[in-house]
Amino acid sequence: MSRLILFNKPFQVLCQFSPEGDKQTLKDFVSIPEVYPAGRLDYDSEGLLLLTDAGYLQHLISDPRHKMSKTYWAQVERIPDTPALEQLSRGVELKDGITRPAKAELMDEPKIWPRNPPIRERKNIPTAWIELKISEGKNRQVRRMTAAVGFPTLRLIRQSIGPWSLQQLQPGEWIEVSCPKNKQELEKLIKQKN
């Protein structure tokens, strides 16, 4: 039977099990053999990471052709205006092409764990939170998108992937959930969520 793990990846943890210098990896938190990340989450980003031993599921989650929605909470420098949010929603021109249309909106500061170390604060520059839903996964995409419209990301948390979300998981915590058996079962799960 295939396994699916929802893991809240802490800040500055590598998305791999193999050691690299003195950096923390998934091995420091998850001791289940033969599960691997379905997609990536940058070293300096936090939040939901899915781990599975089901190759078909890894492919469906990480391959951009399947357009599985991912929701991010980005704390940005300054307060984005309507034109910036509209530009994020239409798509942003990056060096490797224009991004797909996204869903972008200001949000209240989420009730989440403090980051260790905390973000750099500048007394004369406010910050705001944006919820950004994308259906692709270019390298460091959310950070590059917010920077392209003039609002650099200070903290980035992935809140959900398709039908799965962080729920109440704290950094470093994980839970095992029922693994869809095939693409049809996954599509049914996604429809139930929407």
N, C-alpha and C. Protein backbone atom coordinates (compact mmCIF):
# COMPACT_ATOMS: atom_id res chain seq x y z
N MET A 1 0.84 -1.19 0.00
CA MET A 1 0.00 0.00 0.00
C MET A 1 0.88 1.25 0.00
N SER A 2 0.55 2.21 -0.87
CA SER A 2 1.35 3.43 -0.99
C SER A 2 1.16 4.34 0.22
N ARG A 3 2.19 5.14 0.49
CA ARG A 3 2.15 6.04 1.65
C ARG A 3 2.20 7.48 1.18
N LEU A 4 1.54 8.36 1.95
CA LEU A 4 1.56 9.79 1.68
C LEU A 4 1.72 10.53 3.01
N ILE A 5 2.76 11.35 3.09
CA ILE A 5 3.08 12.09 4.30
C ILE A 5 2.93 13.58 4.03
N LEU A 6 2.23 14.29 4.92
CA LEU A 6 2.16 15.75 4.90
C LEU A 6 3.14 16.25 5.94
N PHE A 7 4.10 17.05 5.51
CA PHE A 7 5.18 17.51 6.38
C PHE A 7 5.25 19.03 6.33
N ASN A 8 5.35 19.64 7.50
CA ASN A 8 5.55 21.09 7.57
C ASN A 8 7.06 21.34 7.63
N LYS A 9 7.63 21.66 6.47
CA LYS A 9 9.07 21.86 6.38
C LYS A 9 9.46 23.17 7.05
N PRO A 10 10.35 23.10 8.04
CA PRO A 10 10.81 24.32 8.69
C PRO A 10 11.72 25.15 7.76
N PHE A 11 11.90 26.39 8.13
CA PHE A 11 12.84 27.30 7.47
C PHE A 11 14.24 26.70 7.53
N GLN A 12 14.99 26.84 6.47
CA GLN A 12 16.37 26.37 6.38
C GLN A 12 16.53 24.87 6.62
N VAL A 13 15.69 24.11 5.94
CA VAL A 13 15.82 22.65 5.89
C VAL A 13 15.83 22.27 4.41
N LEU A 14 16.80 21.44 4.02
CA LEU A 14 16.90 21.00 2.63
C LEU A 14 15.83 19.96 2.32
N CYS A 15 15.30 20.02 1.11
CA CYS A 15 14.26 19.08 0.66
C CYS A 15 14.89 17.81 0.11
N GLN A 16 15.70 17.16 0.91
CA GLN A 16 16.36 15.92 0.52
C GLN A 16 16.71 15.15 1.77
N PHE A 17 16.95 13.87 1.61
CA PHE A 17 17.33 13.04 2.75
C PHE A 17 18.84 12.93 2.89
N SER A 18 19.56 13.10 1.80
CA SER A 18 21.03 12.96 1.87
C SER A 18 21.66 14.20 2.50
N PRO A 19 22.69 14.01 3.32
CA PRO A 19 23.32 15.12 4.01
C PRO A 19 24.06 16.05 3.05
N GLU A 20 24.12 17.31 3.44
CA GLU A 20 24.87 18.31 2.68
C GLU A 20 25.46 19.30 3.68
N GLY A 21 26.73 19.10 3.99
CA GLY A 21 27.38 19.94 5.00
C GLY A 21 26.69 19.78 6.34
N ASP A 22 26.51 20.90 7.03
CA ASP A 22 25.87 20.85 8.35
C ASP A 22 24.40 21.28 8.29
N LYS A 23 23.82 21.34 7.08
CA LYS A 23 22.42 21.76 6.94
C LYS A 23 21.47 20.63 7.33
N GLN A 24 20.35 21.02 7.94
CA GLN A 24 19.33 20.03 8.27
C GLN A 24 18.65 19.55 6.99
N THR A 25 18.25 18.28 7.00
CA THR A 25 17.55 17.70 5.86
C THR A 25 16.27 17.01 6.36
N LEU A 26 15.54 16.44 5.44
CA LEU A 26 14.31 15.72 5.79
C LEU A 26 14.59 14.57 6.76
N LYS A 27 15.78 14.00 6.67
CA LYS A 27 16.16 12.88 7.52
C LYS A 27 16.14 13.26 9.01
N ASP A 28 16.33 14.54 9.31
CA ASP A 28 16.29 15.01 10.70
C ASP A 28 14.88 15.01 11.28
N PHE A 29 13.86 14.83 10.42
CA PHE A 29 12.47 14.93 10.88
C PHE A 29 11.62 13.71 10.56
N VAL A 30 11.87 13.07 9.41
CA VAL A 30 11.03 11.97 8.94
C VAL A 30 11.87 10.70 8.85
N SER A 31 11.44 9.66 9.58
CA SER A 31 12.23 8.43 9.62
C SER A 31 11.55 7.27 8.89
N ILE A 32 10.64 7.59 7.98
CA ILE A 32 9.95 6.54 7.22
C ILE A 32 10.81 6.20 6.00
N PRO A 33 11.16 4.94 5.82
CA PRO A 33 12.01 4.58 4.68
C PRO A 33 11.24 4.63 3.35
N GLU A 34 11.98 4.90 2.29
CA GLU A 34 11.47 4.82 0.92
C GLU A 34 10.41 5.84 0.54
N VAL A 35 10.27 6.95 1.28
CA VAL A 35 9.40 8.03 0.81
C VAL A 35 10.30 9.16 0.31
N TYR A 36 9.80 9.87 -0.70
CA TYR A 36 10.58 10.93 -1.32
C TYR A 36 9.69 12.14 -1.56
N PRO A 37 10.29 13.35 -1.63
CA PRO A 37 9.48 14.55 -1.86
C PRO A 37 8.80 14.51 -3.23
N ALA A 38 7.54 14.91 -3.25
CA ALA A 38 6.80 15.10 -4.50
C ALA A 38 6.86 16.59 -4.78
N GLY A 39 7.88 17.02 -5.49
CA GLY A 39 8.12 18.44 -5.72
C GLY A 39 9.17 18.94 -4.74
N ARG A 40 9.46 20.22 -4.81
CA ARG A 40 10.51 20.81 -4.00
C ARG A 40 9.94 22.00 -3.23
N LEU A 41 10.67 22.40 -2.22
CA LEU A 41 10.39 23.63 -1.48
C LEU A 41 11.75 24.18 -1.09
N ASP A 42 12.02 25.42 -1.47
CA ASP A 42 13.35 26.00 -1.27
C ASP A 42 13.80 25.95 0.19
N TYR A 43 15.10 25.93 0.36
CA TYR A 43 15.76 25.92 1.67
C TYR A 43 15.22 27.03 2.57
N ASP A 44 15.01 28.22 1.99
CA ASP A 44 14.57 29.37 2.80
C ASP A 44 13.05 29.58 2.77
N SER A 45 12.30 28.58 2.30
CA SER A 45 10.84 28.63 2.35
C SER A 45 10.35 27.60 3.37
N GLU A 46 9.13 27.80 3.82
CA GLU A 46 8.54 26.95 4.85
C GLU A 46 7.24 26.35 4.34
N GLY A 47 6.73 25.37 5.07
CA GLY A 47 5.38 24.92 4.80
C GLY A 47 5.26 23.53 4.24
N LEU A 48 4.13 23.30 3.57
CA LEU A 48 3.73 21.96 3.18
C LEU A 48 4.65 21.34 2.13
N LEU A 49 5.09 20.15 2.46
CA LEU A 49 5.84 19.30 1.54
C LEU A 49 5.20 17.93 1.60
N LEU A 50 4.93 17.34 0.43
CA LEU A 50 4.36 16.00 0.38
C LEU A 50 5.47 15.00 0.13
N LEU A 51 5.44 13.91 0.88
CA LEU A 51 6.40 12.82 0.71
C LEU A 51 5.61 11.56 0.41
N THR A 52 6.06 10.79 -0.58
CA THR A 52 5.34 9.57 -0.94
C THR A 52 6.30 8.54 -1.51
N ASP A 53 5.84 7.30 -1.51
CA ASP A 53 6.60 6.23 -2.17
C ASP A 53 5.90 5.82 -3.47
N ALA A 54 4.85 6.55 -3.84
CA ALA A 54 4.08 6.24 -5.05
C ALA A 54 4.58 7.11 -6.21
N GLY A 55 5.26 6.47 -7.16
CA GLY A 55 5.82 7.19 -8.30
C GLY A 55 4.79 7.95 -9.10
N TYR A 56 3.61 7.35 -9.34
CA TYR A 56 2.56 8.02 -10.11
C TYR A 56 2.11 9.30 -9.41
N LEU A 57 2.05 9.28 -8.07
CA LEU A 57 1.61 10.44 -7.32
C LEU A 57 2.66 11.55 -7.36
N GLN A 58 3.93 11.17 -7.21
CA GLN A 58 5.01 12.15 -7.33
C GLN A 58 4.89 12.87 -8.67
N HIS A 59 4.67 12.10 -9.73
CA HIS A 59 4.57 12.68 -11.08
C HIS A 59 3.37 13.62 -11.18
N LEU A 60 2.21 13.20 -10.70
CA LEU A 60 1.00 14.03 -10.80
C LEU A 60 1.13 15.32 -10.01
N ILE A 61 1.83 15.27 -8.88
CA ILE A 61 1.97 16.45 -8.03
C ILE A 61 3.02 17.41 -8.59
N SER A 62 4.13 16.89 -9.05
CA SER A 62 5.24 17.77 -9.42
C SER A 62 5.27 18.18 -10.89
N ASP A 63 4.59 17.47 -11.77
CA ASP A 63 4.64 17.80 -13.19
C ASP A 63 3.69 18.97 -13.49
N PRO A 64 4.22 20.10 -14.01
CA PRO A 64 3.38 21.27 -14.26
C PRO A 64 2.26 21.03 -15.28
N ARG A 65 2.38 20.00 -16.09
CA ARG A 65 1.32 19.72 -17.07
C ARG A 65 0.00 19.37 -16.40
N HIS A 66 0.05 18.91 -15.15
CA HIS A 66 -1.18 18.55 -14.44
C HIS A 66 -1.81 19.73 -13.72
N LYS A 67 -1.11 20.87 -13.70
CA LYS A 67 -1.64 22.14 -13.18
C LYS A 67 -2.25 22.02 -11.79
N MET A 68 -1.60 21.24 -10.91
CA MET A 68 -2.11 21.12 -9.55
C MET A 68 -1.87 22.44 -8.82
N SER A 69 -2.91 23.00 -8.28
CA SER A 69 -2.84 24.29 -7.61
C SER A 69 -2.03 24.22 -6.31
N LYS A 70 -1.22 25.24 -6.09
CA LYS A 70 -0.45 25.38 -4.86
C LYS A 70 -0.73 26.76 -4.29
N THR A 71 -1.01 26.82 -2.99
CA THR A 71 -1.30 28.10 -2.34
C THR A 71 -0.13 28.48 -1.44
N TYR A 72 0.33 29.72 -1.63
CA TYR A 72 1.44 30.26 -0.84
C TYR A 72 0.99 31.49 -0.09
N TRP A 73 1.55 31.66 1.10
CA TRP A 73 1.39 32.90 1.85
C TRP A 73 2.74 33.59 1.83
N ALA A 74 2.77 34.78 1.25
CA ALA A 74 4.03 35.52 1.12
C ALA A 74 3.95 36.81 1.92
N GLN A 75 4.89 36.98 2.84
CA GLN A 75 5.01 38.25 3.54
C GLN A 75 5.97 39.09 2.71
N VAL A 76 5.47 40.23 2.25
CA VAL A 76 6.25 41.06 1.34
C VAL A 76 6.58 42.40 1.96
N GLU A 77 7.61 43.02 1.40
CA GLU A 77 8.02 44.35 1.83
C GLU A 77 7.06 45.37 1.21
N ARG A 78 6.56 46.27 2.01
CA ARG A 78 5.59 47.29 1.60
C ARG A 78 4.22 46.67 1.37
N ILE A 79 3.24 47.51 1.06
CA ILE A 79 1.86 47.04 0.88
C ILE A 79 1.51 47.09 -0.60
N PRO A 80 1.31 45.92 -1.23
CA PRO A 80 1.01 45.89 -2.66
C PRO A 80 -0.27 46.64 -3.00
N ASP A 81 -0.23 47.36 -4.11
CA ASP A 81 -1.41 48.08 -4.58
C ASP A 81 -2.18 47.21 -5.56
N THR A 82 -3.34 47.69 -5.97
CA THR A 82 -4.21 46.93 -6.88
C THR A 82 -3.51 46.59 -8.20
N PRO A 83 -2.80 47.55 -8.85
CA PRO A 83 -2.11 47.18 -10.10
C PRO A 83 -1.10 46.03 -9.93
N ALA A 84 -0.39 45.99 -8.82
CA ALA A 84 0.58 44.91 -8.58
C ALA A 84 -0.14 43.57 -8.44
N LEU A 85 -1.25 43.55 -7.68
CA LEU A 85 -2.02 42.32 -7.51
C LEU A 85 -2.62 41.86 -8.83
N GLU A 86 -3.08 42.82 -9.65
CA GLU A 86 -3.63 42.47 -10.96
C GLU A 86 -2.55 41.89 -11.87
N GLN A 87 -1.36 42.47 -11.80
CA GLN A 87 -0.25 41.96 -12.62
C GLN A 87 0.10 40.54 -12.20
N LEU A 88 0.16 40.27 -10.88
CA LEU A 88 0.42 38.91 -10.40
C LEU A 88 -0.65 37.95 -10.90
N SER A 89 -1.89 38.41 -10.93
CA SER A 89 -3.01 37.57 -11.36
C SER A 89 -2.98 37.27 -12.86
N ARG A 90 -2.55 38.25 -13.67
CA ARG A 90 -2.49 38.06 -15.12
C ARG A 90 -1.32 37.19 -15.54
N GLY A 91 -0.22 37.27 -14.79
CA GLY A 91 1.03 36.61 -15.17
C GLY A 91 2.14 37.64 -15.20
N VAL A 92 3.33 37.23 -14.80
CA VAL A 92 4.46 38.15 -14.68
C VAL A 92 5.57 37.67 -15.61
N GLU A 93 6.18 38.61 -16.31
CA GLU A 93 7.30 38.29 -17.20
C GLU A 93 8.55 38.07 -16.35
N LEU A 94 9.08 36.83 -16.41
CA LEU A 94 10.33 36.49 -15.73
C LEU A 94 11.37 36.15 -16.79
N LYS A 95 12.61 35.99 -16.40
CA LYS A 95 13.67 35.67 -17.37
C LYS A 95 13.40 34.39 -18.15
N ASP A 96 12.70 33.43 -17.52
CA ASP A 96 12.42 32.17 -18.19
C ASP A 96 10.99 32.10 -18.74
N GLY A 97 10.39 33.26 -19.00
CA GLY A 97 9.07 33.32 -19.61
C GLY A 97 8.01 33.90 -18.68
N ILE A 98 6.84 34.08 -19.24
CA ILE A 98 5.73 34.65 -18.45
C ILE A 98 5.08 33.55 -17.62
N THR A 99 4.69 33.89 -16.41
CA THR A 99 4.03 32.91 -15.54
C THR A 99 2.58 32.74 -15.96
N ARG A 100 2.01 31.60 -15.62
CA ARG A 100 0.59 31.38 -15.86
C ARG A 100 -0.20 32.34 -14.98
N PRO A 101 -1.44 32.65 -15.39
CA PRO A 101 -2.27 33.46 -14.51
C PRO A 101 -2.37 32.82 -13.12
N ALA A 102 -2.40 33.65 -12.11
CA ALA A 102 -2.45 33.20 -10.71
C ALA A 102 -3.63 33.89 -10.03
N LYS A 103 -3.87 33.51 -8.82
CA LYS A 103 -4.87 34.19 -8.00
C LYS A 103 -4.08 34.89 -6.90
N ALA A 104 -4.16 36.21 -6.84
CA ALA A 104 -3.38 36.97 -5.87
C ALA A 104 -4.27 37.96 -5.14
N GLU A 105 -4.18 37.94 -3.80
CA GLU A 105 -4.96 38.90 -3.01
C GLU A 105 -4.27 39.15 -1.68
N LEU A 106 -4.50 40.35 -1.17
CA LEU A 106 -4.00 40.68 0.17
C LEU A 106 -4.75 39.82 1.17
N MET A 107 -4.09 39.48 2.25
CA MET A 107 -4.73 38.70 3.30
C MET A 107 -4.31 39.24 4.66
N ASP A 108 -5.08 38.93 5.68
CA ASP A 108 -4.68 39.26 7.04
C ASP A 108 -3.46 38.43 7.40
N GLU A 109 -2.68 38.93 8.34
CA GLU A 109 -1.52 38.16 8.79
C GLU A 109 -2.02 36.83 9.35
N PRO A 110 -1.49 35.70 8.82
CA PRO A 110 -1.98 34.40 9.29
C PRO A 110 -1.53 34.11 10.72
N LYS A 111 -2.31 33.30 11.41
CA LYS A 111 -1.95 32.89 12.77
C LYS A 111 -1.03 31.68 12.62
N ILE A 112 0.26 31.95 12.62
CA ILE A 112 1.26 30.91 12.39
C ILE A 112 2.38 31.02 13.40
N TRP A 113 3.28 30.09 13.34
CA TRP A 113 4.44 30.00 14.21
C TRP A 113 5.41 31.14 13.90
N PRO A 114 6.17 31.58 14.90
CA PRO A 114 7.22 32.56 14.63
C PRO A 114 8.36 31.90 13.86
N ARG A 115 8.98 32.65 12.97
CA ARG A 115 10.11 32.07 12.24
C ARG A 115 11.38 32.25 13.05
N ASN A 116 12.25 31.25 12.98
CA ASN A 116 13.52 31.31 13.68
C ASN A 116 14.65 31.09 12.67
N PRO A 117 15.47 32.12 12.40
CA PRO A 117 15.42 33.48 12.93
C PRO A 117 14.30 34.29 12.28
N PRO A 118 13.87 35.36 12.95
CA PRO A 118 12.79 36.18 12.39
C PRO A 118 13.25 36.91 11.13
N ILE A 119 12.27 37.39 10.34
CA ILE A 119 12.61 38.17 9.15
C ILE A 119 13.25 39.48 9.59
N ARG A 120 13.99 40.09 8.68
CA ARG A 120 14.56 41.41 9.00
C ARG A 120 13.43 42.44 8.95
N GLU A 121 13.34 43.24 9.96
CA GLU A 121 12.30 44.27 10.04
C GLU A 121 12.94 45.64 9.85
N ARG A 122 12.28 46.48 9.07
CA ARG A 122 12.72 47.87 8.93
C ARG A 122 11.59 48.73 9.47
N LYS A 123 11.92 49.52 10.45
CA LYS A 123 10.88 50.30 11.13
C LYS A 123 10.08 51.20 10.19
N ASN A 124 10.74 51.76 9.17
CA ASN A 124 10.05 52.72 8.29
C ASN A 124 9.44 52.06 7.04
N ILE A 125 9.54 50.73 6.92
CA ILE A 125 8.96 50.04 5.76
C ILE A 125 7.98 48.97 6.26
N PRO A 126 6.68 49.17 5.97
CA PRO A 126 5.69 48.18 6.43
C PRO A 126 5.79 46.88 5.62
N THR A 127 5.15 45.84 6.14
CA THR A 127 5.05 44.58 5.40
C THR A 127 3.57 44.22 5.27
N ALA A 128 3.29 43.33 4.33
CA ALA A 128 1.92 42.85 4.12
C ALA A 128 2.00 41.38 3.73
N TRP A 129 0.86 40.70 3.81
CA TRP A 129 0.77 39.30 3.41
C TRP A 129 -0.10 39.18 2.17
N ILE A 130 0.36 38.34 1.23
CA ILE A 130 -0.39 38.05 0.01
C ILE A 130 -0.65 36.55 -0.02
N GLU A 131 -1.87 36.18 -0.41
CA GLU A 131 -2.14 34.77 -0.72
C GLU A 131 -2.03 34.64 -2.23
N LEU A 132 -1.18 33.72 -2.67
CA LEU A 132 -0.93 33.53 -4.10
C LEU A 132 -1.17 32.07 -4.46
N LYS A 133 -2.08 31.83 -5.40
CA LYS A 133 -2.37 30.47 -5.86
C LYS A 133 -1.83 30.34 -7.27
N ILE A 134 -0.91 29.38 -7.45
CA ILE A 134 -0.30 29.17 -8.75
C ILE A 134 -0.49 27.71 -9.17
N SER A 135 -0.33 27.46 -10.46
CA SER A 135 -0.49 26.08 -10.94
C SER A 135 0.73 25.62 -11.73
N GLU A 136 1.87 26.18 -11.40
CA GLU A 136 3.14 25.76 -12.00
C GLU A 136 4.20 25.86 -10.93
N GLY A 137 5.42 25.52 -11.25
CA GLY A 137 6.45 25.53 -10.22
C GLY A 137 7.82 25.87 -10.77
N LYS A 138 7.94 27.06 -11.35
CA LYS A 138 9.26 27.50 -11.80
C LYS A 138 10.15 27.70 -10.58
N ASN A 139 11.44 27.63 -10.77
CA ASN A 139 12.39 27.79 -9.67
C ASN A 139 12.19 29.14 -8.98
N ARG A 140 11.95 29.10 -7.68
CA ARG A 140 11.78 30.30 -6.84
C ARG A 140 10.73 31.25 -7.41
N GLN A 141 9.69 30.66 -7.97
CA GLN A 141 8.70 31.43 -8.73
C GLN A 141 8.00 32.53 -7.94
N VAL A 142 7.46 32.20 -6.77
CA VAL A 142 6.72 33.21 -6.01
C VAL A 142 7.62 34.38 -5.64
N ARG A 143 8.82 34.10 -5.19
CA ARG A 143 9.76 35.16 -4.84
C ARG A 143 10.08 36.05 -6.04
N ARG A 144 10.28 35.41 -7.19
CA ARG A 144 10.60 36.19 -8.39
C ARG A 144 9.40 36.99 -8.87
N MET A 145 8.19 36.44 -8.72
CA MET A 145 6.98 37.16 -9.12
C MET A 145 6.77 38.41 -8.27
N THR A 146 6.86 38.27 -6.95
CA THR A 146 6.61 39.44 -6.10
C THR A 146 7.70 40.50 -6.29
N ALA A 147 8.94 40.06 -6.50
CA ALA A 147 10.03 41.01 -6.74
C ALA A 147 9.81 41.74 -8.06
N ALA A 148 9.31 41.04 -9.09
CA ALA A 148 9.10 41.63 -10.41
C ALA A 148 8.06 42.74 -10.38
N VAL A 149 7.12 42.67 -9.44
CA VAL A 149 6.10 43.73 -9.34
C VAL A 149 6.44 44.73 -8.25
N GLY A 150 7.66 44.63 -7.70
CA GLY A 150 8.15 45.66 -6.77
C GLY A 150 7.92 45.41 -5.29
N PHE A 151 7.57 44.16 -4.92
CA PHE A 151 7.30 43.86 -3.52
C PHE A 151 8.04 42.58 -3.12
N PRO A 152 9.32 42.70 -2.76
CA PRO A 152 10.12 41.50 -2.46
C PRO A 152 9.55 40.67 -1.31
N THR A 153 9.65 39.36 -1.46
CA THR A 153 9.18 38.43 -0.43
C THR A 153 10.19 38.34 0.71
N LEU A 154 9.71 38.48 1.92
CA LEU A 154 10.53 38.37 3.12
C LEU A 154 10.38 36.99 3.77
N ARG A 155 9.18 36.43 3.65
CA ARG A 155 8.89 35.11 4.24
C ARG A 155 7.90 34.41 3.33
N LEU A 156 8.12 33.11 3.10
CA LEU A 156 7.26 32.38 2.18
C LEU A 156 6.86 31.04 2.79
N ILE A 157 5.54 30.80 2.84
CA ILE A 157 4.99 29.57 3.41
C ILE A 157 4.05 28.94 2.39
N ARG A 158 4.29 27.66 2.06
CA ARG A 158 3.33 26.96 1.20
C ARG A 158 2.26 26.39 2.11
N GLN A 159 1.02 26.80 1.87
CA GLN A 159 -0.09 26.41 2.72
C GLN A 159 -0.80 25.16 2.21
N SER A 160 -0.86 25.00 0.87
CA SER A 160 -1.54 23.82 0.35
C SER A 160 -1.00 23.41 -1.02
N ILE A 161 -1.24 22.13 -1.33
CA ILE A 161 -0.93 21.55 -2.63
C ILE A 161 -2.15 20.72 -3.00
N GLY A 162 -2.83 21.10 -4.08
CA GLY A 162 -4.04 20.37 -4.48
C GLY A 162 -5.00 20.26 -3.31
N PRO A 163 -5.45 19.04 -2.98
CA PRO A 163 -6.43 18.88 -1.91
C PRO A 163 -5.83 18.83 -0.49
N TRP A 164 -4.50 18.91 -0.38
CA TRP A 164 -3.85 18.77 0.93
C TRP A 164 -3.39 20.12 1.45
N SER A 165 -3.52 20.32 2.78
CA SER A 165 -3.09 21.58 3.39
C SER A 165 -2.29 21.30 4.66
N LEU A 166 -1.69 22.37 5.18
CA LEU A 166 -0.89 22.27 6.40
C LEU A 166 -1.70 21.84 7.62
N GLN A 167 -2.99 22.11 7.60
CA GLN A 167 -3.85 21.85 8.74
C GLN A 167 -3.24 22.53 9.97
N GLN A 168 -3.04 21.79 11.06
CA GLN A 168 -2.48 22.38 12.28
C GLN A 168 -1.04 21.98 12.51
N LEU A 169 -0.39 21.45 11.49
CA LEU A 169 0.99 20.98 11.65
C LEU A 169 1.93 22.14 11.98
N GLN A 170 2.75 21.93 12.98
CA GLN A 170 3.78 22.90 13.35
C GLN A 170 5.07 22.54 12.60
N PRO A 171 6.03 23.47 12.50
CA PRO A 171 7.27 23.17 11.79
C PRO A 171 7.92 21.89 12.32
N GLY A 172 8.31 21.01 11.39
CA GLY A 172 8.95 19.76 11.75
C GLY A 172 7.98 18.62 12.02
N GLU A 173 6.68 18.92 12.10
CA GLU A 173 5.68 17.87 12.34
C GLU A 173 5.18 17.29 11.02
N TRP A 174 4.74 16.03 11.08
CA TRP A 174 4.18 15.40 9.90
C TRP A 174 3.07 14.44 10.31
N ILE A 175 2.19 14.15 9.35
CA ILE A 175 1.15 13.15 9.55
C ILE A 175 1.05 12.31 8.28
N GLU A 176 0.62 11.07 8.45
CA GLU A 176 0.37 10.22 7.30
C GLU A 176 -1.12 10.26 6.99
N VAL A 177 -1.45 10.42 5.71
CA VAL A 177 -2.84 10.48 5.28
C VAL A 177 -3.08 9.40 4.23
N SER A 178 -4.33 9.17 3.92
CA SER A 178 -4.70 8.18 2.92
C SER A 178 -4.15 8.60 1.55
N CYS A 179 -3.53 7.68 0.87
CA CYS A 179 -2.90 7.94 -0.43
C CYS A 179 -3.85 7.55 -1.55
N PRO A 180 -4.15 8.49 -2.48
CA PRO A 180 -5.01 8.09 -3.61
C PRO A 180 -4.35 6.98 -4.41
N LYS A 181 -5.15 6.01 -4.85
CA LYS A 181 -4.61 4.83 -5.53
C LYS A 181 -4.25 5.08 -7.00
N ASN A 182 -4.87 6.12 -7.60
CA ASN A 182 -4.62 6.40 -9.01
C ASN A 182 -5.03 7.83 -9.34
N LYS A 183 -4.86 8.21 -10.60
CA LYS A 183 -5.16 9.57 -11.05
C LYS A 183 -6.64 9.91 -10.84
N GLN A 184 -7.53 8.96 -11.11
CA GLN A 184 -8.97 9.21 -10.96
C GLN A 184 -9.34 9.50 -9.50
N GLU A 185 -8.74 8.75 -8.59
CA GLU A 185 -9.01 8.99 -7.16
C GLU A 185 -8.48 10.36 -6.74
N LEU A 186 -7.32 10.74 -7.27
CA LEU A 186 -6.76 12.06 -6.96
C LEU A 186 -7.66 13.15 -7.51
N GLU A 187 -8.14 13.00 -8.74
CA GLU A 187 -9.04 14.00 -9.33
C GLU A 187 -10.32 14.14 -8.52
N LYS A 188 -10.83 13.04 -8.00
CA LYS A 188 -12.03 13.06 -7.15
C LYS A 188 -11.75 13.85 -5.86
N LEU A 189 -10.58 13.62 -5.27
CA LEU A 189 -10.18 14.37 -4.07
C LEU A 189 -10.13 15.87 -4.35
N ILE A 190 -9.54 16.24 -5.48
CA ILE A 190 -9.40 17.65 -5.85
C ILE A 190 -10.76 18.28 -6.03
N LYS A 191 -11.70 17.58 -6.70
CA LYS A 191 -13.06 18.10 -6.91
C LYS A 191 -13.76 18.32 -5.58
N GLN A 192 -13.58 17.39 -4.63
CA GLN A 192 -14.21 17.53 -3.32
C GLN A 192 -13.70 18.78 -2.60
N LYS A 193 -12.43 19.08 -2.78
CA LYS A 193 -11.82 20.25 -2.11
C LYS A 193 -12.36 21.55 -2.70
N ASN A 194 -12.58 21.54 -4.03
CA ASN A 194 -13.06 22.76 -4.71
C ASN A 194 -14.52 22.82 -4.59
